[in-house]
PDB file of all heavy atoms in Angstrom:
ATOM      1  N   GLU A   1      -7.730  -0.468   5.805  1.00  0.00           N
ATOM      2  CA  GLU A   1      -6.542   0.310   6.148  1.00  0.00           C
ATOM      3  C   GLU A   1      -6.645   1.741   5.640  1.00  0.00           C
ATOM      4  O   GLU A   1      -7.336   2.023   4.656  1.00  0.00           O
ATOM      5  CB  GLU A   1      -5.279  -0.317   5.533  1.00  0.00           C
ATOM      6  CG  GLU A   1      -5.005  -1.749   5.919  1.00  0.00           C
ATOM      7  CD  GLU A   1      -5.469  -2.724   4.857  1.00  0.00           C
ATOM      8  OE1 GLU A   1      -6.361  -2.359   4.074  1.00  0.00           O
ATOM      9  OE2 GLU A   1      -4.962  -3.852   4.817  1.00  0.00           O
ATOM     10  N   SER A   2      -5.893   2.623   6.274  1.00  0.00           N
ATOM     11  CA  SER A   2      -5.753   4.000   5.818  1.00  0.00           C
ATOM     12  C   SER A   2      -4.434   4.551   6.332  1.00  0.00           C
ATOM     13  O   SER A   2      -3.821   3.979   7.236  1.00  0.00           O
ATOM     14  CB  SER A   2      -6.916   4.871   6.303  1.00  0.00           C
ATOM     15  OG  SER A   2      -6.949   4.925   7.715  1.00  0.00           O
ATOM     16  N   GLY A   3      -3.996   5.673   5.751  1.00  0.00           N
ATOM     17  CA  GLY A   3      -2.824   6.354   6.268  1.00  0.00           C
ATOM     18  C   GLY A   3      -1.562   6.216   5.445  1.00  0.00           C
ATOM     19  O   GLY A   3      -0.536   6.802   5.800  1.00  0.00           O
ATOM     20  N   GLY A   4      -1.599   5.463   4.376  1.00  0.00           N
ATOM     21  CA  GLY A   4      -0.413   5.336   3.550  1.00  0.00           C
ATOM     22  C   GLY A   4      -0.136   6.610   2.770  1.00  0.00           C
ATOM     23  O   GLY A   4      -0.917   7.564   2.795  1.00  0.00           O
ATOM     24  N   GLY A   5       1.000   6.616   2.081  1.00  0.00           N
ATOM     25  CA  GLY A   5       1.337   7.777   1.283  1.00  0.00           C
ATOM     26  C   GLY A   5       2.811   7.831   0.946  1.00  0.00           C
ATOM     27  O   GLY A   5       3.538   6.850   1.117  1.00  0.00           O
ATOM     28  N   LEU A   6       3.231   8.991   0.483  1.00  0.00           N
ATOM     29  CA  LEU A   6       4.624   9.229   0.109  1.00  0.00           C
ATOM     30  C   LEU A   6       5.298  10.028   1.216  1.00  0.00           C
ATOM     31  O   LEU A   6       4.758  11.059   1.666  1.00  0.00           O
ATOM     32  CB  LEU A   6       4.677  10.009  -1.209  1.00  0.00           C
ATOM     33  CG  LEU A   6       6.047  10.498  -1.676  1.00  0.00           C
ATOM     34  CD1 LEU A   6       6.952   9.312  -1.987  1.00  0.00           C
ATOM     35  CD2 LEU A   6       5.889  11.392  -2.900  1.00  0.00           C
ATOM     36  N   VAL A   7       6.458   9.571   1.640  1.00  0.00           N
ATOM     37  CA  VAL A   7       7.193  10.253   2.695  1.00  0.00           C
ATOM     38  C   VAL A   7       8.681  10.196   2.363  1.00  0.00           C
ATOM     39  O   VAL A   7       9.146   9.242   1.724  1.00  0.00           O
ATOM     40  CB  VAL A   7       6.899   9.614   4.069  1.00  0.00           C
ATOM     41  CG1 VAL A   7       7.358   8.169   4.117  1.00  0.00           C
ATOM     42  CG2 VAL A   7       7.481  10.422   5.207  1.00  0.00           C
ATOM     43  N   GLU A   8       9.420  11.204   2.804  1.00  0.00           N
ATOM     44  CA  GLU A   8      10.861  11.234   2.571  1.00  0.00           C
ATOM     45  C   GLU A   8      11.577  10.318   3.564  1.00  0.00           C
ATOM     46  O   GLU A   8      11.063  10.071   4.667  1.00  0.00           O
ATOM     47  CB  GLU A   8      11.391  12.650   2.691  1.00  0.00           C
ATOM     48  CG  GLU A   8      10.892  13.580   1.600  1.00  0.00           C
ATOM     49  CD  GLU A   8      11.545  14.944   1.649  1.00  0.00           C
ATOM     50  OE1 GLU A   8      12.188  15.255   2.675  1.00  0.00           O
ATOM     51  OE2 GLU A   8      11.408  15.715   0.679  1.00  0.00           O
ATOM     52  N   PRO A   9      12.737   9.834   3.205  1.00  0.00           N
ATOM     53  CA  PRO A   9      13.522   9.034   4.151  1.00  0.00           C
ATOM     54  C   PRO A   9      13.731   9.793   5.458  1.00  0.00           C
ATOM     55  O   PRO A   9      14.003  11.008   5.451  1.00  0.00           O
ATOM     56  CB  PRO A   9      14.844   8.817   3.416  1.00  0.00           C
ATOM     57  CG  PRO A   9      14.470   8.878   1.964  1.00  0.00           C
ATOM     58  CD  PRO A   9      13.388   9.911   1.886  1.00  0.00           C
ATOM     59  N   GLY A  10      13.590   9.061   6.561  1.00  0.00           N
ATOM     60  CA  GLY A  10      13.677   9.669   7.876  1.00  0.00           C
ATOM     61  C   GLY A  10      12.361  10.181   8.412  1.00  0.00           C
ATOM     62  O   GLY A  10      12.270  10.546   9.595  1.00  0.00           O
ATOM     63  N   GLY A  11      11.348  10.210   7.586  1.00  0.00           N
ATOM     64  CA  GLY A  11      10.037  10.702   7.989  1.00  0.00           C
ATOM     65  C   GLY A  11       9.206   9.663   8.716  1.00  0.00           C
ATOM     66  O   GLY A  11       9.670   8.541   8.979  1.00  0.00           O
ATOM     67  N   SER A  12       7.976  10.051   9.046  1.00  0.00           N
ATOM     68  CA  SER A  12       7.073   9.191   9.806  1.00  0.00           C
ATOM     69  C   SER A  12       5.710   9.114   9.135  1.00  0.00           C
ATOM     70  O   SER A  12       5.283  10.045   8.446  1.00  0.00           O
ATOM     71  CB  SER A  12       6.880   9.733  11.232  1.00  0.00           C
ATOM     72  OG  SER A  12       8.098   9.765  11.942  1.00  0.00           O
ATOM     73  N   LEU A  13       5.041   8.003   9.367  1.00  0.00           N
ATOM     74  CA  LEU A  13       3.652   7.806   8.962  1.00  0.00           C
ATOM     75  C   LEU A  13       2.973   6.970  10.025  1.00  0.00           C
ATOM     76  O   LEU A  13       3.622   6.164  10.704  1.00  0.00           O
ATOM     77  CB  LEU A  13       3.548   7.058   7.619  1.00  0.00           C
ATOM     78  CG  LEU A  13       3.734   7.808   6.314  1.00  0.00           C
ATOM     79  CD1 LEU A  13       3.681   6.823   5.150  1.00  0.00           C
ATOM     80  CD2 LEU A  13       2.692   8.893   6.139  1.00  0.00           C
ATOM     81  N   ARG A  14       1.664   7.155  10.157  1.00  0.00           N
ATOM     82  CA  ARG A  14       0.885   6.273  11.012  1.00  0.00           C
ATOM     83  C   ARG A  14      -0.224   5.633  10.183  1.00  0.00           C
ATOM     84  O   ARG A  14      -1.055   6.326   9.599  1.00  0.00           O
ATOM     85  CB  ARG A  14       0.275   7.003  12.206  1.00  0.00           C
ATOM     86  CG  ARG A  14      -0.350   6.037  13.197  1.00  0.00           C
ATOM     87  CD  ARG A  14      -0.860   6.693  14.448  1.00  0.00           C
ATOM     88  NE  ARG A  14      -2.176   7.276  14.296  1.00  0.00           N
ATOM     89  CZ  ARG A  14      -3.035   7.461  15.294  1.00  0.00           C
ATOM     90  NH1 ARG A  14      -2.699   7.093  16.525  1.00  0.00           N
ATOM     91  NH2 ARG A  14      -4.198   8.027  15.085  1.00  0.00           N
ATOM     92  N   LEU A  15      -0.190   4.319  10.148  1.00  0.00           N
ATOM     93  CA  LEU A  15      -1.240   3.560   9.480  1.00  0.00           C
ATOM     94  C   LEU A  15      -2.321   3.177  10.488  1.00  0.00           C
ATOM     95  O   LEU A  15      -2.022   2.918  11.649  1.00  0.00           O
ATOM     96  CB  LEU A  15      -0.675   2.294   8.840  1.00  0.00           C
ATOM     97  CG  LEU A  15       0.489   2.468   7.874  1.00  0.00           C
ATOM     98  CD1 LEU A  15       0.883   1.107   7.293  1.00  0.00           C
ATOM     99  CD2 LEU A  15       0.142   3.444   6.774  1.00  0.00           C
ATOM    100  N   SER A  16      -3.560   3.160  10.007  1.00  0.00           N
ATOM    101  CA  SER A  16      -4.689   2.727  10.828  1.00  0.00           C
ATOM    102  C   SER A  16      -5.441   1.628  10.099  1.00  0.00           C
ATOM    103  O   SER A  16      -5.495   1.614   8.868  1.00  0.00           O
ATOM    104  CB  SER A  16      -5.650   3.891  11.090  1.00  0.00           C
ATOM    105  OG  SER A  16      -5.019   4.951  11.756  1.00  0.00           O
ATOM    106  N   CYS A  17      -6.015   0.735  10.859  1.00  0.00           N
ATOM    107  CA  CYS A  17      -6.850  -0.322  10.297  1.00  0.00           C
ATOM    108  C   CYS A  17      -8.038  -0.514  11.230  1.00  0.00           C
ATOM    109  O   CYS A  17      -7.851  -0.867  12.395  1.00  0.00           O
ATOM    110  CB  CYS A  17      -6.069  -1.607  10.146  1.00  0.00           C
ATOM    111  SG  CYS A  17      -7.048  -2.978   9.486  1.00  0.00           S
ATOM    112  N   THR A  18      -9.215  -0.261  10.714  1.00  0.00           N
ATOM    113  CA  THR A  18     -10.431  -0.386  11.505  1.00  0.00           C
ATOM    114  C   THR A  18     -11.279  -1.507  10.941  1.00  0.00           C
ATOM    115  O   THR A  18     -11.457  -1.608   9.724  1.00  0.00           O
ATOM    116  CB  THR A  18     -11.228   0.927  11.490  1.00  0.00           C
ATOM    117  OG1 THR A  18     -10.420   1.959  12.057  1.00  0.00           O
ATOM    118  CG2 THR A  18     -12.500   0.792  12.304  1.00  0.00           C
ATOM    119  N   ALA A  19     -11.773  -2.340  11.832  1.00  0.00           N
ATOM    120  CA  ALA A  19     -12.563  -3.492  11.408  1.00  0.00           C
ATOM    121  C   ALA A  19     -13.993  -3.381  11.900  1.00  0.00           C
ATOM    122  O   ALA A  19     -14.251  -2.950  13.026  1.00  0.00           O
ATOM    123  CB  ALA A  19     -11.937  -4.785  11.924  1.00  0.00           C
ATOM    124  N   SER A  20     -14.912  -3.799  11.058  1.00  0.00           N
ATOM    125  CA  SER A  20     -16.308  -3.929  11.434  1.00  0.00           C
ATOM    126  C   SER A  20     -16.631  -5.413  11.542  1.00  0.00           C
ATOM    127  O   SER A  20     -15.868  -6.264  11.097  1.00  0.00           O
ATOM    128  CB  SER A  20     -17.201  -3.279  10.383  1.00  0.00           C
ATOM    129  OG  SER A  20     -16.977  -3.862   9.113  1.00  0.00           O
ATOM    130  N   GLY A  21     -17.761  -5.728  12.183  1.00  0.00           N
ATOM    131  CA  GLY A  21     -18.155  -7.125  12.329  1.00  0.00           C
ATOM    132  C   GLY A  21     -17.852  -7.650  13.713  1.00  0.00           C
ATOM    133  O   GLY A  21     -17.724  -6.900  14.675  1.00  0.00           O
ATOM    134  N   ASN A  22     -17.710  -8.944  13.825  1.00  0.00           N
ATOM    135  CA  ASN A  22     -17.554  -9.610  15.116  1.00  0.00           C
ATOM    136  C   ASN A  22     -16.100  -9.580  15.576  1.00  0.00           C
ATOM    137  O   ASN A  22     -15.412 -10.598  15.565  1.00  0.00           O
ATOM    138  CB  ASN A  22     -18.054 -11.042  15.027  1.00  0.00           C
ATOM    139  CG  ASN A  22     -18.018 -11.739  16.371  1.00  0.00           C
ATOM    140  OD1 ASN A  22     -17.986 -11.092  17.413  1.00  0.00           O
ATOM    141  ND2 ASN A  22     -17.996 -13.060  16.355  1.00  0.00           N
ATOM    142  N   ILE A  23     -15.659  -8.405  15.991  1.00  0.00           N
ATOM    143  CA  ILE A  23     -14.264  -8.273  16.414  1.00  0.00           C
ATOM    144  C   ILE A  23     -14.019  -8.875  17.790  1.00  0.00           C
ATOM    145  O   ILE A  23     -12.863  -9.042  18.190  1.00  0.00           O
ATOM    146  CB  ILE A  23     -13.820  -6.802  16.393  1.00  0.00           C
ATOM    147  CG1 ILE A  23     -14.631  -5.994  17.405  1.00  0.00           C
ATOM    148  CG2 ILE A  23     -13.926  -6.222  14.995  1.00  0.00           C
ATOM    149  CD1 ILE A  23     -14.090  -4.606  17.623  1.00  0.00           C
ATOM    150  N   PHE A  24     -15.054  -9.236  18.525  1.00  0.00           N
ATOM    151  CA  PHE A  24     -14.866  -9.792  19.869  1.00  0.00           C
ATOM    152  C   PHE A  24     -14.208 -11.166  19.820  1.00  0.00           C
ATOM    153  O   PHE A  24     -13.656 -11.625  20.824  1.00  0.00           O
ATOM    154  CB  PHE A  24     -16.207  -9.858  20.594  1.00  0.00           C
ATOM    155  CG  PHE A  24     -16.870  -8.528  20.720  1.00  0.00           C
ATOM    156  CD1 PHE A  24     -17.940  -8.186  19.911  1.00  0.00           C
ATOM    157  CD2 PHE A  24     -16.405  -7.588  21.615  1.00  0.00           C
ATOM    158  CE1 PHE A  24     -18.543  -6.941  20.007  1.00  0.00           C
ATOM    159  CE2 PHE A  24     -16.997  -6.342  21.729  1.00  0.00           C
ATOM    160  CZ  PHE A  24     -18.064  -6.025  20.930  1.00  0.00           C
ATOM    161  N   SER A  25     -14.258 -11.820  18.656  1.00  0.00           N
ATOM    162  CA  SER A  25     -13.639 -13.136  18.520  1.00  0.00           C
ATOM    163  C   SER A  25     -12.187 -13.063  18.060  1.00  0.00           C
ATOM    164  O   SER A  25     -11.522 -14.086  17.941  1.00  0.00           O
ATOM    165  CB  SER A  25     -14.436 -13.969  17.515  1.00  0.00           C
ATOM    166  OG  SER A  25     -14.347 -13.389  16.229  1.00  0.00           O
ATOM    167  N   ILE A  26     -11.691 -11.855  17.837  1.00  0.00           N
ATOM    168  CA  ILE A  26     -10.349 -11.698  17.286  1.00  0.00           C
ATOM    169  C   ILE A  26      -9.275 -11.956  18.344  1.00  0.00           C
ATOM    170  O   ILE A  26      -9.316 -11.393  19.439  1.00  0.00           O
ATOM    171  CB  ILE A  26     -10.164 -10.291  16.695  1.00  0.00           C
ATOM    172  CG1 ILE A  26     -11.145 -10.081  15.528  1.00  0.00           C
ATOM    173  CG2 ILE A  26      -8.735 -10.081  16.234  1.00  0.00           C
ATOM    174  CD1 ILE A  26     -10.979 -11.080  14.397  1.00  0.00           C
ATOM    175  N   ASP A  27      -8.323 -12.829  18.004  1.00  0.00           N
ATOM    176  CA  ASP A  27      -7.226 -13.168  18.909  1.00  0.00           C
ATOM    177  C   ASP A  27      -5.990 -12.296  18.697  1.00  0.00           C
ATOM    178  O   ASP A  27      -5.230 -12.045  19.628  1.00  0.00           O
ATOM    179  CB  ASP A  27      -6.817 -14.631  18.717  1.00  0.00           C
ATOM    180  CG  ASP A  27      -7.930 -15.594  19.067  1.00  0.00           C
ATOM    181  OD1 ASP A  27      -8.622 -15.359  20.075  1.00  0.00           O
ATOM    182  OD2 ASP A  27      -8.099 -16.573  18.324  1.00  0.00           O
ATOM    183  N   ALA A  28      -5.771 -11.889  17.455  1.00  0.00           N
ATOM    184  CA  ALA A  28      -4.556 -11.144  17.145  1.00  0.00           C
ATOM    185  C   ALA A  28      -4.808 -10.224  15.955  1.00  0.00           C
ATOM    186  O   ALA A  28      -5.675 -10.484  15.117  1.00  0.00           O
ATOM    187  CB  ALA A  28      -3.406 -12.092  16.825  1.00  0.00           C
ATOM    188  N   ARG A  29      -4.017  -9.171  15.927  1.00  0.00           N
ATOM    189  CA  ARG A  29      -4.051  -8.187  14.837  1.00  0.00           C
ATOM    190  C   ARG A  29      -2.624  -7.957  14.382  1.00  0.00           C
ATOM    191  O   ARG A  29      -1.715  -7.903  15.227  1.00  0.00           O
ATOM    192  CB  ARG A  29      -4.673  -6.878  15.334  1.00  0.00           C
ATOM    193  CG  ARG A  29      -6.120  -7.027  15.757  1.00  0.00           C
ATOM    194  CD  ARG A  29      -6.457  -6.065  16.887  1.00  0.00           C
ATOM    195  NE  ARG A  29      -7.860  -6.162  17.293  1.00  0.00           N
ATOM    196  CZ  ARG A  29      -8.305  -7.050  18.183  1.00  0.00           C
ATOM    197  NH1 ARG A  29      -7.493  -7.899  18.759  1.00  0.00           N
ATOM    198  NH2 ARG A  29      -9.597  -7.061  18.498  1.00  0.00           N
ATOM    199  N   GLY A  30      -2.438  -7.849  13.081  1.00  0.00           N
ATOM    200  CA  GLY A  30      -1.076  -7.700  12.606  1.00  0.00           C
ATOM    201  C   GLY A  30      -0.991  -6.819  11.383  1.00  0.00           C
ATOM    202  O   GLY A  30      -1.986  -6.555  10.709  1.00  0.00           O
ATOM    203  N   TRP A  31       0.230  -6.347  11.148  1.00  0.00           N
ATOM    204  CA  TRP A  31       0.552  -5.606   9.930  1.00  0.00           C
ATOM    205  C   TRP A  31       1.579  -6.412   9.139  1.00  0.00           C
ATOM    206  O   TRP A  31       2.565  -6.919   9.705  1.00  0.00           O
ATOM    207  CB  TRP A  31       1.132  -4.238  10.270  1.00  0.00           C
ATOM    208  CG  TRP A  31       0.103  -3.257  10.734  1.00  0.00           C
ATOM    209  CD1 TRP A  31      -0.199  -2.941  12.031  1.00  0.00           C
ATOM    210  CD2 TRP A  31      -0.764  -2.472   9.916  1.00  0.00           C
ATOM    211  NE1 TRP A  31      -1.206  -2.002  12.066  1.00  0.00           N
ATOM    212  CE2 TRP A  31      -1.572  -1.696  10.769  1.00  0.00           C
ATOM    213  CE3 TRP A  31      -0.933  -2.331   8.540  1.00  0.00           C
ATOM    214  CZ2 TRP A  31      -2.547  -0.808  10.295  1.00  0.00           C
ATOM    215  CZ3 TRP A  31      -1.890  -1.447   8.072  1.00  0.00           C
ATOM    216  CH2 TRP A  31      -2.679  -0.692   8.939  1.00  0.00           C
ATOM    217  N   TYR A  32       1.351  -6.518   7.853  1.00  0.00           N
ATOM    218  CA  TYR A  32       2.226  -7.220   6.934  1.00  0.00           C
ATOM    219  C   TYR A  32       2.524  -6.267   5.779  1.00  0.00           C
ATOM    220  O   TYR A  32       1.802  -5.283   5.567  1.00  0.00           O
ATOM    221  CB  TYR A  32       1.543  -8.481   6.397  1.00  0.00           C
ATOM    222  CG  TYR A  32       1.301  -9.525   7.462  1.00  0.00           C
ATOM    223  CD1 TYR A  32       0.305  -9.352   8.427  1.00  0.00           C
ATOM    224  CD2 TYR A  32       2.061 -10.685   7.522  1.00  0.00           C
ATOM    225  CE1 TYR A  32       0.090 -10.289   9.419  1.00  0.00           C
ATOM    226  CE2 TYR A  32       1.846 -11.643   8.507  1.00  0.00           C
ATOM    227  CZ  TYR A  32       0.860 -11.433   9.450  1.00  0.00           C
ATOM    228  OH  TYR A  32       0.654 -12.361  10.428  1.00  0.00           O
ATOM    229  N   ARG A  33       3.575  -6.566   5.042  1.00  0.00           N
ATOM    230  CA  ARG A  33       3.880  -5.746   3.880  1.00  0.00           C
ATOM    231  C   ARG A  33       4.408  -6.619   2.751  1.00  0.00           C
ATOM    232  O   ARG A  33       4.960  -7.693   2.979  1.00  0.00           O
ATOM    233  CB  ARG A  33       4.891  -4.652   4.218  1.00  0.00           C
ATOM    234  CG  ARG A  33       6.278  -5.145   4.581  1.00  0.00           C
ATOM    235  CD  ARG A  33       7.137  -3.981   5.063  1.00  0.00           C
ATOM    236  NE  ARG A  33       8.490  -4.410   5.405  1.00  0.00           N
ATOM    237  CZ  ARG A  33       9.387  -3.616   5.973  1.00  0.00           C
ATOM    238  NH1 ARG A  33       9.081  -2.351   6.269  1.00  0.00           N
ATOM    239  NH2 ARG A  33      10.597  -4.084   6.243  1.00  0.00           N
ATOM    240  N   GLN A  34       4.214  -6.106   1.546  1.00  0.00           N
ATOM    241  CA  GLN A  34       4.690  -6.810   0.363  1.00  0.00           C
ATOM    242  C   GLN A  34       5.267  -5.798  -0.607  1.00  0.00           C
ATOM    243  O   GLN A  34       4.554  -4.920  -1.097  1.00  0.00           O
ATOM    244  CB  GLN A  34       3.561  -7.602  -0.300  1.00  0.00           C
ATOM    245  CG  GLN A  34       4.035  -8.487  -1.433  1.00  0.00           C
ATOM    246  CD  GLN A  34       2.988  -9.494  -1.867  1.00  0.00           C
ATOM    247  OE1 GLN A  34       1.803  -9.360  -1.570  1.00  0.00           O
ATOM    248  NE2 GLN A  34       3.430 -10.530  -2.545  1.00  0.00           N
ATOM    249  N   ALA A  35       6.556  -5.930  -0.841  1.00  0.00           N
ATOM    250  CA  ALA A  35       7.251  -5.080  -1.807  1.00  0.00           C
ATOM    251  C   ALA A  35       7.208  -5.763  -3.172  1.00  0.00           C
ATOM    252  O   ALA A  35       7.045  -6.987  -3.258  1.00  0.00           O
ATOM    253  CB  ALA A  35       8.686  -4.854  -1.360  1.00  0.00           C
ATOM    254  N   PRO A  36       7.374  -5.005  -4.233  1.00  0.00           N
ATOM    255  CA  PRO A  36       7.336  -5.599  -5.580  1.00  0.00           C
ATOM    256  C   PRO A  36       8.359  -6.722  -5.727  1.00  0.00           C
ATOM    257  O   PRO A  36       9.527  -6.561  -5.370  1.00  0.00           O
ATOM    258  CB  PRO A  36       7.676  -4.416  -6.486  1.00  0.00           C
ATOM    259  CG  PRO A  36       7.239  -3.216  -5.720  1.00  0.00           C
ATOM    260  CD  PRO A  36       7.508  -3.539  -4.283  1.00  0.00           C
ATOM    261  N   GLY A  37       7.909  -7.849  -6.224  1.00  0.00           N
ATOM    262  CA  GLY A  37       8.793  -8.980  -6.453  1.00  0.00           C
ATOM    263  C   GLY A  37       9.172  -9.761  -5.214  1.00  0.00           C
ATOM    264  O   GLY A  37       9.991 -10.683  -5.290  1.00  0.00           O
ATOM    265  N   LYS A  38       8.586  -9.406  -4.081  1.00  0.00           N
ATOM    266  CA  LYS A  38       8.920 -10.093  -2.833  1.00  0.00           C
ATOM    267  C   LYS A  38       7.678 -10.709  -2.214  1.00  0.00           C
ATOM    268  O   LYS A  38       6.553 -10.340  -2.530  1.00  0.00           O
ATOM    269  CB  LYS A  38       9.575  -9.120  -1.843  1.00  0.00           C
ATOM    270  CG  LYS A  38      10.921  -8.590  -2.310  1.00  0.00           C
ATOM    271  CD  LYS A  38      11.594  -7.790  -1.215  1.00  0.00           C
ATOM    272  CE  LYS A  38      12.975  -7.331  -1.636  1.00  0.00           C
ATOM    273  NZ  LYS A  38      13.661  -6.563  -0.558  1.00  0.00           N
ATOM    274  N   GLN A  39       7.918 -11.642  -1.286  1.00  0.00           N
ATOM    275  CA  GLN A  39       6.809 -12.267  -0.587  1.00  0.00           C
ATOM    276  C   GLN A  39       6.283 -11.336   0.505  1.00  0.00           C
ATOM    277  O   GLN A  39       7.011 -10.484   1.024  1.00  0.00           O
ATOM    278  CB  GLN A  39       7.273 -13.587   0.040  1.00  0.00           C
ATOM    279  CG  GLN A  39       7.553 -14.684  -0.965  1.00  0.00           C
ATOM    280  CD  GLN A  39       7.791 -16.022  -0.286  1.00  0.00           C
ATOM    281  OE1 GLN A  39       8.301 -16.085   0.826  1.00  0.00           O
ATOM    282  NE2 GLN A  39       7.417 -17.096  -0.958  1.00  0.00           N
ATOM    283  N   ARG A  40       5.040 -11.532   0.839  1.00  0.00           N
ATOM    284  CA  ARG A  40       4.449 -10.784   1.945  1.00  0.00           C
ATOM    285  C   ARG A  40       5.121 -11.228   3.243  1.00  0.00           C
ATOM    286  O   ARG A  40       5.346 -12.414   3.465  1.00  0.00           O
ATOM    287  CB  ARG A  40       2.946 -11.030   2.010  1.00  0.00           C
ATOM    288  CG  ARG A  40       2.197 -10.097   2.932  1.00  0.00           C
ATOM    289  CD  ARG A  40       0.691 -10.296   2.803  1.00  0.00           C
ATOM    290  NE  ARG A  40       0.215  -9.987   1.457  1.00  0.00           N
ATOM    291  CZ  ARG A  40      -1.071  -9.931   1.136  1.00  0.00           C
ATOM    292  NH1 ARG A  40      -2.012 -10.152   2.057  1.00  0.00           N
ATOM    293  NH2 ARG A  40      -1.431  -9.661  -0.107  1.00  0.00           N
TER     294      ARG A  40
END
């Protein structure tokens, strides 16, 4: 992953995730998040 950072409320960010290897077998791609003290 790349693209994270600090932003003010109301702002925008774009995250990117690039994979190497046998990506032709991939069925799905997803983004998940985990805040402190919470489940992913």
